[in-house]
């Protein structure tokens, strides 16, 4: 009886080490990001964006997502703006509360101003539903910038996904494939 307990304890330790080793192997890579994931955390961080980030990381790409790459003490805008400037592709995950948040719109505007390759994803929202509202929280300059960027991005071809009806596995495969295809195109353009 004791051997069985001892051997299961040993097996558990071995399995634990394997899991920790695997987890260590897929930690974010310390180089400029390939893909910047722009999203409204409230709507998407624990679902579509977290899953997409993990898929890209497992493919040895270097995605950037605020809660995965920022650490206590980092200057928020400085780190995010730097990641955007160095990324090759911006994945914009539009969601129901996206246009209410300054940082989402600031990141979108910077991605569009820098003419980064953009892959919009319409998560539980249609492009026609996306609007920047003037509720007095944005300066006129920001409001103009945000509206321009939103118009540019929402008329870029991208997948839509309904989280209640959609096939998560199929969607993540298609989204990941779109990112890879765009990264390859960007690399080819930059080599010419």
C-alpha atoms as a PDB file:
ATOM      1  CA  UNK A   1       0.000   0.000   0.000  1.00  0.00           C
ATOM      2  CA  UNK A   2       2.801   2.410   0.832  1.00  0.00           C
ATOM      3  CA  UNK A   3       4.585   1.697  -2.482  1.00  0.00           C
ATOM      4  CA  UNK A   4       1.480   2.660  -4.400  1.00  0.00           C
ATOM      5  CA  UNK A   5       1.260   5.970  -2.552  1.00  0.00           C
ATOM      6  CA  UNK A   6       4.969   6.582  -3.033  1.00  0.00           C
ATOM      7  CA  UNK A   7       4.880   5.764  -6.737  1.00  0.00           C
ATOM      8  CA  UNK A   8       1.825   7.962  -7.347  1.00  0.00           C
ATOM      9  CA  UNK A   9       3.550  10.784  -5.463  1.00  0.00           C
ATOM     10  CA  UNK A  10       6.620  10.292  -7.646  1.00  0.00           C
ATOM     11  CA  UNK A  11       4.464  10.263 -10.806  1.00  0.00           C
ATOM     12  CA  UNK A  12       2.762  13.448  -9.687  1.00  0.00           C
ATOM     13  CA  UNK A  13       6.148  15.126  -9.182  1.00  0.00           C
ATOM     14  CA  UNK A  14       7.327  14.047 -12.627  1.00  0.00           C
ATOM     15  CA  UNK A  15       4.104  15.289 -14.234  1.00  0.00           C
ATOM     16  CA  UNK A  16       4.399  18.548 -12.298  1.00  0.00           C
ATOM     17  CA  UNK A  17       7.942  19.065 -13.575  1.00  0.00           C
ATOM     18  CA  UNK A  18       6.853  18.356 -17.151  1.00  0.00           C
ATOM     19  CA  UNK A  19       4.025  20.887 -16.917  1.00  0.00           C
ATOM     20  CA  UNK A  20       6.295  23.522 -15.415  1.00  0.00           C
ATOM     21  CA  UNK A  21       8.957  22.799 -18.039  1.00  0.00           C
ATOM     22  CA  UNK A  22       6.379  23.158 -20.834  1.00  0.00           C
ATOM     23  CA  UNK A  23       5.024  26.339 -19.272  1.00  0.00           C
ATOM     24  CA  UNK A  24       8.551  27.745 -19.063  1.00  0.00           C
ATOM     25  CA  UNK A  25       9.119  26.936 -22.730  1.00  0.00           C
ATOM     26  CA  UNK A  26       6.193  29.080 -23.904  1.00  0.00           C
ATOM     27  CA  UNK A  27       6.862  32.244 -21.917  1.00  0.00           C
ATOM     28  CA  UNK A  28       6.887  35.516 -23.860  1.00  0.00           C
ATOM     29  CA  UNK A  29      10.017  35.965 -25.944  1.00  0.00           C
ATOM     30  CA  UNK A  30      12.197  38.972 -25.136  1.00  0.00           C
ATOM     31  CA  UNK A  31      12.320  40.646 -28.555  1.00  0.00           C
ATOM     32  CA  UNK A  32      10.140  43.244 -30.266  1.00  0.00           C
ATOM     33  CA  UNK A  33       6.616  41.972 -30.659  1.00  0.00           C
ATOM     34  CA  UNK A  34       5.401  40.522 -33.924  1.00  0.00           C
ATOM     35  CA  UNK A  35       1.719  41.015 -33.174  1.00  0.00           C
ATOM     36  CA  UNK A  36       0.057  43.685 -31.051  1.00  0.00           C
ATOM     37  CA  UNK A  37      -3.358  42.616 -29.722  1.00  0.00           C
ATOM     38  CA  UNK A  38      -5.545  45.709 -29.268  1.00  0.00           C
ATOM     39  CA  UNK A  39      -8.681  44.920 -27.262  1.00  0.00           C
ATOM     40  CA  UNK A  40     -11.115  45.994 -24.551  1.00  0.00           C
ATOM     41  CA  UNK A  41     -10.109  43.843 -21.614  1.00  0.00           C
ATOM     42  CA  UNK A  42     -13.547  43.918 -20.036  1.00  0.00           C
ATOM     43  CA  UNK A  43     -15.026  42.156 -23.081  1.00  0.00           C
ATOM     44  CA  UNK A  44     -12.223  39.956 -24.350  1.00  0.00           C
ATOM     45  CA  UNK A  45      -9.184  39.489 -22.101  1.00  0.00           C
ATOM     46  CA  UNK A  46     -10.287  36.180 -20.573  1.00  0.00           C
ATOM     47  CA  UNK A  47     -11.775  34.791 -23.766  1.00  0.00           C
ATOM     48  CA  UNK A  48     -10.862  35.526 -27.355  1.00  0.00           C
ATOM     49  CA  UNK A  49      -7.750  37.633 -26.742  1.00  0.00           C
ATOM     50  CA  UNK A  50      -6.252  35.363 -24.106  1.00  0.00           C
ATOM     51  CA  UNK A  51      -6.806  32.332 -26.329  1.00  0.00           C
ATOM     52  CA  UNK A  52      -5.389  34.058 -29.410  1.00  0.00           C
ATOM     53  CA  UNK A  53      -2.357  35.242 -27.424  1.00  0.00           C
ATOM     54  CA  UNK A  54      -1.684  31.682 -26.218  1.00  0.00           C
ATOM     55  CA  UNK A  55      -2.078  30.241 -29.747  1.00  0.00           C
ATOM     56  CA  UNK A  56       0.409  32.746 -31.166  1.00  0.00           C
ATOM     57  CA  UNK A  57       2.851  32.160 -28.324  1.00  0.00           C
ATOM     58  CA  UNK A  58       2.761  28.392 -28.884  1.00  0.00           C
ATOM     59  CA  UNK A  59       3.696  29.050 -32.511  1.00  0.00           C
ATOM     60  CA  UNK A  60       6.830  30.819 -31.185  1.00  0.00           C
ATOM     61  CA  UNK A  61       5.556  34.206 -32.304  1.00  0.00           C
ATOM     62  CA  UNK A  62       5.897  37.165 -29.982  1.00  0.00           C
ATOM     63  CA  UNK A  63       2.459  38.655 -29.348  1.00  0.00           C
ATOM     64  CA  UNK A  64       1.918  41.656 -27.086  1.00  0.00           C
ATOM     65  CA  UNK A  65      -1.063  41.897 -24.778  1.00  0.00           C
ATOM     66  CA  UNK A  66      -1.013  44.331 -21.879  1.00  0.00           C
ATOM     67  CA  UNK A  67      -1.818  41.942 -19.024  1.00  0.00           C
ATOM     68  CA  UNK A  68       0.666  39.365 -20.332  1.00  0.00           C
ATOM     69  CA  UNK A  69       3.610  41.638 -21.145  1.00  0.00           C
ATOM     70  CA  UNK A  70       3.440  44.548 -18.724  1.00  0.00           C
ATOM     71  CA  UNK A  71       4.763  44.265 -15.193  1.00  0.00           C
ATOM     72  CA  UNK A  72       4.321  46.428 -12.094  1.00  0.00           C
ATOM     73  CA  UNK A  73       6.255  49.666 -12.448  1.00  0.00           C
ATOM     74  CA  UNK A  74       6.093  49.809 -16.269  1.00  0.00           C
ATOM     75  CA  UNK A  75       5.024  53.114 -17.793  1.00  0.00           C
ATOM     76  CA  UNK A  76       1.777  52.080 -19.466  1.00  0.00           C
ATOM     77  CA  UNK A  77       1.672  54.372 -22.514  1.00  0.00           C
ATOM     78  CA  UNK A  78       5.427  54.191 -23.091  1.00  0.00           C
ATOM     79  CA  UNK A  79       5.502  50.372 -23.168  1.00  0.00           C
ATOM     80  CA  UNK A  80       2.342  50.058 -25.236  1.00  0.00           C
ATOM     81  CA  UNK A  81       3.391  52.725 -27.751  1.00  0.00           C
ATOM     82  CA  UNK A  82       6.824  51.073 -28.093  1.00  0.00           C
ATOM     83  CA  UNK A  83       5.223  47.675 -28.712  1.00  0.00           C
ATOM     84  CA  UNK A  84       2.960  49.168 -31.384  1.00  0.00           C
ATOM     85  CA  UNK A  85       5.867  50.957 -33.085  1.00  0.00           C
ATOM     86  CA  UNK A  86       7.845  47.706 -33.300  1.00  0.00           C
ATOM     87  CA  UNK A  87       5.045  45.277 -34.186  1.00  0.00           C
ATOM     88  CA  UNK A  88       4.521  43.984 -37.686  1.00  0.00           C
ATOM     89  CA  UNK A  89       0.792  43.300 -37.428  1.00  0.00           C
ATOM     90  CA  UNK A  90      -1.968  44.783 -35.280  1.00  0.00           C
ATOM     91  CA  UNK A  91      -4.905  42.575 -34.365  1.00  0.00           C
ATOM     92  CA  UNK A  92      -7.797  44.848 -33.439  1.00  0.00           C
ATOM     93  CA  UNK A  93     -10.483  43.008 -31.484  1.00  0.00           C
ATOM     94  CA  UNK A  94     -13.609  45.144 -31.668  1.00  0.00           C
ATOM     95  CA  UNK A  95     -16.221  44.337 -29.022  1.00  0.00           C
ATOM     96  CA  UNK A  96     -19.361  45.934 -27.530  1.00  0.00           C
ATOM     97  CA  UNK A  97     -17.516  48.249 -25.083  1.00  0.00           C
ATOM     98  CA  UNK A  98     -14.419  48.893 -27.231  1.00  0.00           C
ATOM     99  CA  UNK A  99     -15.261  52.465 -28.290  1.00  0.00           C
ATOM    100  CA  UNK A 100     -15.901  53.596 -24.703  1.00  0.00           C
ATOM    101  CA  UNK A 101     -12.286  53.278 -23.608  1.00  0.00           C
ATOM    102  CA  UNK A 102      -9.585  55.872 -24.321  1.00  0.00           C
ATOM    103  CA  UNK A 103      -6.685  53.402 -24.413  1.00  0.00           C
ATOM    104  CA  UNK A 104      -8.348  51.154 -27.013  1.00  0.00           C
ATOM    105  CA  UNK A 105      -8.913  54.113 -29.296  1.00  0.00           C
ATOM    106  CA  UNK A 106      -5.457  55.588 -28.657  1.00  0.00           C
ATOM    107  CA  UNK A 107      -3.802  52.272 -29.576  1.00  0.00           C
ATOM    108  CA  UNK A 108      -6.005  51.920 -32.663  1.00  0.00           C
ATOM    109  CA  UNK A 109      -5.170  55.447 -33.816  1.00  0.00           C
ATOM    110  CA  UNK A 110      -1.436  54.874 -33.377  1.00  0.00           C
ATOM    111  CA  UNK A 111      -1.587  51.561 -35.277  1.00  0.00           C
ATOM    112  CA  UNK A 112      -3.452  53.231 -38.140  1.00  0.00           C
ATOM    113  CA  UNK A 113      -1.205  56.336 -38.174  1.00  0.00           C
ATOM    114  CA  UNK A 114       1.873  54.119 -38.399  1.00  0.00           C
ATOM    115  CA  UNK A 115       0.231  52.250 -41.291  1.00  0.00           C
ATOM    116  CA  UNK A 116       0.687  48.873 -39.640  1.00  0.00           C
ATOM    117  CA  UNK A 117      -0.903  45.845 -41.231  1.00  0.00           C
ATOM    118  CA  UNK A 118      -4.268  45.432 -39.486  1.00  0.00           C
ATOM    119  CA  UNK A 119      -6.458  42.409 -38.903  1.00  0.00           C
ATOM    120  CA  UNK A 120      -9.761  43.523 -37.399  1.00  0.00           C
ATOM    121  CA  UNK A 121     -11.838  40.966 -35.520  1.00  0.00           C
ATOM    122  CA  UNK A 122     -15.463  41.822 -34.846  1.00  0.00           C
ATOM    123  CA  UNK A 123     -16.297  40.010 -31.602  1.00  0.00           C
ATOM    124  CA  UNK A 124     -19.993  40.094 -30.688  1.00  0.00           C
ATOM    125  CA  UNK A 125     -20.420  43.316 -32.686  1.00  0.00           C
ATOM    126  CA  UNK A 126     -21.003  44.326 -36.299  1.00  0.00           C
ATOM    127  CA  UNK A 127     -18.802  46.947 -37.986  1.00  0.00           C
ATOM    128  CA  UNK A 128     -21.836  49.216 -38.452  1.00  0.00           C
ATOM    129  CA  UNK A 129     -22.329  49.304 -34.655  1.00  0.00           C
ATOM    130  CA  UNK A 130     -18.878  50.813 -34.003  1.00  0.00           C
ATOM    131  CA  UNK A 131     -19.021  54.530 -33.260  1.00  0.00           C
ATOM    132  CA  UNK A 132     -16.927  56.949 -31.217  1.00  0.00           C
ATOM    133  CA  UNK A 133     -19.386  59.015 -29.222  1.00  0.00           C
ATOM    134  CA  UNK A 134     -18.669  62.561 -28.087  1.00  0.00           C
ATOM    135  CA  UNK A 135     -19.500  62.361 -24.390  1.00  0.00           C
ATOM    136  CA  UNK A 136     -17.083  65.126 -23.445  1.00  0.00           C
ATOM    137  CA  UNK A 137     -14.293  62.847 -22.210  1.00  0.00           C
ATOM    138  CA  UNK A 138     -12.100  63.133 -25.320  1.00  0.00           C
ATOM    139  CA  UNK A 139     -10.420  66.287 -26.599  1.00  0.00           C
ATOM    140  CA  UNK A 140     -11.539  67.468 -30.041  1.00  0.00           C
ATOM    141  CA  UNK A 141      -8.155  66.448 -31.456  1.00  0.00           C
ATOM    142  CA  UNK A 142      -8.432  62.931 -29.980  1.00  0.00           C
ATOM    143  CA  UNK A 143     -12.051  62.625 -31.080  1.00  0.00           C
ATOM    144  CA  UNK A 144     -11.074  63.429 -34.657  1.00  0.00           C
ATOM    145  CA  UNK A 145      -8.117  61.015 -34.544  1.00  0.00           C
ATOM    146  CA  UNK A 146     -10.198  58.203 -33.049  1.00  0.00           C
ATOM    147  CA  UNK A 147     -13.050  58.589 -35.528  1.00  0.00           C
ATOM    148  CA  UNK A 148     -10.658  58.575 -38.484  1.00  0.00           C
ATOM    149  CA  UNK A 149      -8.845  55.466 -37.210  1.00  0.00           C
ATOM    150  CA  UNK A 150     -12.095  53.639 -36.476  1.00  0.00           C
ATOM    151  CA  UNK A 151     -13.448  54.359 -39.970  1.00  0.00           C
ATOM    152  CA  UNK A 152     -10.221  53.112 -41.567  1.00  0.00           C
ATOM    153  CA  UNK A 153     -10.123  49.925 -39.482  1.00  0.00           C
ATOM    154  CA  UNK A 154     -13.776  48.948 -39.633  1.00  0.00           C
ATOM    155  CA  UNK A 155     -13.669  48.958 -43.429  1.00  0.00           C
ATOM    156  CA  UNK A 156     -10.729  46.553 -43.450  1.00  0.00           C
ATOM    157  CA  UNK A 157     -11.694  42.952 -44.106  1.00  0.00           C
ATOM    158  CA  UNK A 158     -11.722  40.843 -40.957  1.00  0.00           C
ATOM    159  CA  UNK A 159     -13.555  37.940 -39.382  1.00  0.00           C
ATOM    160  CA  UNK A 160     -16.662  38.287 -37.241  1.00  0.00           C
ATOM    161  CA  UNK A 161     -17.323  36.033 -34.302  1.00  0.00           C
ATOM    162  CA  UNK A 162     -20.417  35.473 -32.179  1.00  0.00           C
ATOM    163  CA  UNK A 163     -19.266  33.921 -28.914  1.00  0.00           C
ATOM    164  CA  UNK A 164     -22.633  32.229 -28.303  1.00  0.00           C
ATOM    165  CA  UNK A 165     -23.023  30.651 -31.747  1.00  0.00           C
ATOM    166  CA  UNK A 166     -19.488  30.411 -33.117  1.00  0.00           C
ATOM    167  CA  UNK A 167     -17.033  27.522 -33.237  1.00  0.00           C
ATOM    168  CA  UNK A 168     -14.121  28.672 -31.037  1.00  0.00           C
ATOM    169  CA  UNK A 169     -11.618  26.171 -32.411  1.00  0.00           C
ATOM    170  CA  UNK A 170     -12.395  26.995 -36.030  1.00  0.00           C
ATOM    171  CA  UNK A 171     -12.286  30.724 -35.333  1.00  0.00           C
ATOM    172  CA  UNK A 172      -8.927  30.570 -33.514  1.00  0.00           C
ATOM    173  CA  UNK A 173      -7.445  28.521 -36.352  1.00  0.00           C
ATOM    174  CA  UNK A 174      -8.644  31.047 -38.948  1.00  0.00           C
ATOM    175  CA  UNK A 175      -7.492  34.045 -36.896  1.00  0.00           C
ATOM    176  CA  UNK A 176      -4.070  32.504 -36.272  1.00  0.00           C
ATOM    177  CA  UNK A 177      -3.733  31.615 -39.966  1.00  0.00           C
ATOM    178  CA  UNK A 178      -4.602  35.215 -40.915  1.00  0.00           C
ATOM    179  CA  UNK A 179      -1.924  36.538 -38.557  1.00  0.00           C
ATOM    180  CA  UNK A 180       0.705  34.151 -39.938  1.00  0.00           C
ATOM    181  CA  UNK A 181      -0.206  34.999 -43.550  1.00  0.00           C
ATOM    182  CA  UNK A 182       0.090  38.730 -42.834  1.00  0.00           C
ATOM    183  CA  UNK A 183       3.398  38.297 -40.989  1.00  0.00           C
ATOM    184  CA  UNK A 184       4.801  36.387 -43.966  1.00  0.00           C
ATOM    185  CA  UNK A 185       3.599  39.117 -46.352  1.00  0.00           C
ATOM    186  CA  UNK A 186       5.168  41.824 -44.150  1.00  0.00           C
ATOM    187  CA  UNK A 187       8.472  39.925 -44.041  1.00  0.00           C
ATOM    188  CA  UNK A 188       8.480  39.551 -47.837  1.00  0.00           C
ATOM    189  CA  UNK A 189       7.718  43.266 -48.333  1.00  0.00           C
ATOM    190  CA  UNK A 190      10.447  44.280 -45.857  1.00  0.00           C
ATOM    191  CA  UNK A 191      13.029  42.044 -47.592  1.00  0.00           C
ATOM    192  CA  UNK A 192      12.424  43.599 -51.016  1.00  0.00           C
END
